Protein backbone atom coordinates (compact mmCIF):
# COMPACT_ATOMS: atom_id res chain seq x y z
CA MET A 1 -6.61 -6.00 -2.28
CA GLU A 2 -5.23 -2.50 -2.07
CA VAL A 3 -6.12 1.00 -1.15
CA GLN A 4 -4.38 4.01 -2.87
CA GLY A 5 -4.49 7.61 -1.83
CA LYS A 6 -2.90 10.14 0.49
CA ILE A 7 -2.18 9.71 4.15
CA LYS A 8 -4.63 11.79 6.21
CA MET A 9 -3.62 10.43 9.67
CA ILE A 10 -1.10 8.19 11.28
CA GLY A 11 -1.86 7.12 14.80
CA GLU A 12 0.45 6.21 17.67
CA THR A 13 1.12 2.57 18.40
CA GLN A 14 -1.31 1.34 21.03
CA THR A 15 -0.59 -1.72 23.25
CA PHE A 16 -3.41 -3.79 24.76
CA GLY A 17 -3.62 -6.49 27.36
CA SER A 18 -0.96 -8.60 29.12
CA ASN A 19 0.05 -10.34 25.90
CA GLY A 20 1.32 -7.04 24.35
CA PHE A 21 -0.97 -6.90 21.45
CA ARG A 22 -0.02 -3.92 19.35
CA LYS A 23 -2.15 -1.83 16.87
CA ARG A 24 -1.60 1.29 14.88
CA GLU A 25 -4.21 3.01 12.72
CA LEU A 26 -3.65 4.83 9.41
CA VAL A 27 -6.30 6.84 7.44
CA VAL A 28 -5.91 6.91 3.68
CA THR A 29 -8.08 9.41 1.66
CA THR A 30 -8.74 8.07 -1.77
CA GLU A 31 -8.43 10.35 -4.83
CA GLU A 32 -11.65 9.79 -6.74
CA GLN A 33 -14.79 11.75 -7.50
CA TYR A 34 -16.19 11.04 -4.03
CA PRO A 35 -12.98 10.69 -1.82
CA GLN A 36 -13.19 8.12 0.96
CA HIS A 37 -11.43 8.19 4.26
CA ILE A 38 -10.40 4.61 4.81
CA LEU A 39 -9.17 3.45 8.28
CA VAL A 40 -6.56 0.78 7.99
CA GLU A 41 -5.16 -1.07 11.03
CA PHE A 42 -1.70 -2.41 11.25
CA VAL A 43 -1.05 -4.99 13.98
CA GLN A 44 1.80 -6.48 15.83
CA ASP A 45 5.18 -6.18 13.98
CA LYS A 46 3.38 -4.44 10.97
CA THR A 47 2.96 -1.38 13.13
CA ASP A 48 6.54 -0.48 12.45
CA LEU A 49 5.92 -0.24 8.73
CA LEU A 50 4.36 3.21 9.21
CA ASN A 51 7.46 4.72 10.84
CA SER A 52 8.87 6.19 7.63
CA TYR A 53 5.65 7.71 6.29
CA GLN A 54 4.12 11.09 6.92
CA VAL A 55 0.70 12.89 6.53
CA GLY A 56 0.17 14.06 2.95
CA GLN A 57 2.28 11.33 1.31
CA ALA A 58 0.71 9.31 -1.53
CA VAL A 59 0.76 5.58 -0.74
CA LYS A 60 -0.59 2.20 -1.83
CA VAL A 61 -1.57 -0.05 0.98
CA ASN A 62 -2.04 -3.83 0.61
CA ILE A 63 -4.94 -4.87 2.88
CA ASN A 64 -6.98 -7.89 4.01
CA LEU A 65 -10.63 -7.63 4.95
CA ARG A 66 -11.29 -9.30 8.30
CA GLY A 67 -14.68 -10.21 9.73
CA ARG A 68 -15.82 -11.41 13.14
CA GLU A 69 -18.90 -12.78 14.67
CA TRP A 70 -19.84 -11.95 18.31
CA VAL A 71 -22.83 -13.01 20.36
CA ASN A 72 -23.73 -10.39 22.96
CA PRO A 73 -25.02 -11.28 26.47
CA GLN A 74 -28.62 -11.04 25.22
CA GLY A 75 -27.94 -13.72 22.60
CA GLU A 76 -27.92 -11.40 19.59
CA THR A 77 -25.27 -12.18 16.99
CA LYS A 78 -23.29 -9.18 15.81
CA TYR A 79 -20.83 -8.87 12.88
CA PHE A 80 -17.78 -6.63 12.76
CA ASN A 81 -15.39 -5.81 9.83
CA SER A 82 -11.96 -4.41 9.83
CA VAL A 83 -9.45 -3.41 7.24
CA GLN A 84 -6.02 -4.79 8.10
CA GLY A 85 -2.91 -3.52 6.31
CA TRP A 86 0.16 -5.77 5.83
CA ARG A 87 2.24 -3.76 3.37
CA ILE A 88 2.57 -0.07 2.39
CA GLU A 89 4.61 1.68 -0.29
CA ALA A 90 5.02 5.24 -1.49
CA VAL A 91 3.80 6.15 -4.97
CA GLN A 92 4.56 9.07 -7.23
CA ALA A 93 2.15 11.96 -7.13
CA ASP A 94 0.55 10.99 -10.47
CA GLY A 95 -0.36 7.55 -8.98
CA ALA A 96 2.27 5.64 -10.89
CA ASN A 97 4.61 3.47 -9.00
CA VAL A 98 7.20 3.18 -11.74
CA PRO A 99 10.99 3.66 -11.22
CA PRO A 100 12.38 6.43 -13.43
CA ALA A 101 13.88 5.24 -16.76
CA ALA A 102 17.66 5.41 -17.20
CA PRO A 103 18.74 8.25 -19.52
CA THR A 104 19.64 7.18 -23.12
CA GLU A 105 23.14 8.40 -22.62
CA ALA A 106 23.68 5.59 -20.16
CA PHE A 107 23.63 2.99 -22.93
CA GLU A 108 26.49 2.33 -25.38
CA PRO A 109 25.62 1.94 -29.07
CA ALA A 110 25.92 -1.57 -30.50
CA THR A 111 29.17 -2.05 -32.30
CA ASN A 112 28.91 -5.68 -33.25
CA LEU A 113 26.47 -5.25 -36.16
CA ASN A 114 27.18 -6.87 -39.52
CA GLU A 115 25.35 -5.40 -42.48
CA GLU A 116 25.64 -8.81 -44.36
CA ASP A 117 23.68 -10.74 -41.68
CA HIS A 118 20.32 -11.88 -42.93
CA ASP A 119 17.45 -10.05 -41.20
CA ASP A 120 14.20 -12.14 -41.28
CA LEU A 121 12.10 -9.69 -39.36
CA PRO A 122 8.91 -8.78 -41.15
CA PHE A 123 9.26 -5.03 -40.56
């Protein structure tokens, strides 16, 4: 799955516990009739993927939806969801992620054409 929009916020890397678990949050605002502010978590080594991005930049983020079950001390079962990012890439402002085409001057015209060769193309 993916989320596309503009970066609204990039959080600092947070480290938790004695095992050094790392997490960094990113908020992407979608560009649709009713824009959504989607919180995406990047964990462990994926936190470094955000280093070269900045607020306002248009991005496409590949995500996984994660779900957890937890039973509280009273015996009630609770469910929690998170959106976890694993890849991010910049996109052009119009939403297309297409590299620019080479100018036509960059190509040499064909010189090995033979007018006598049979052309069986129907057009």
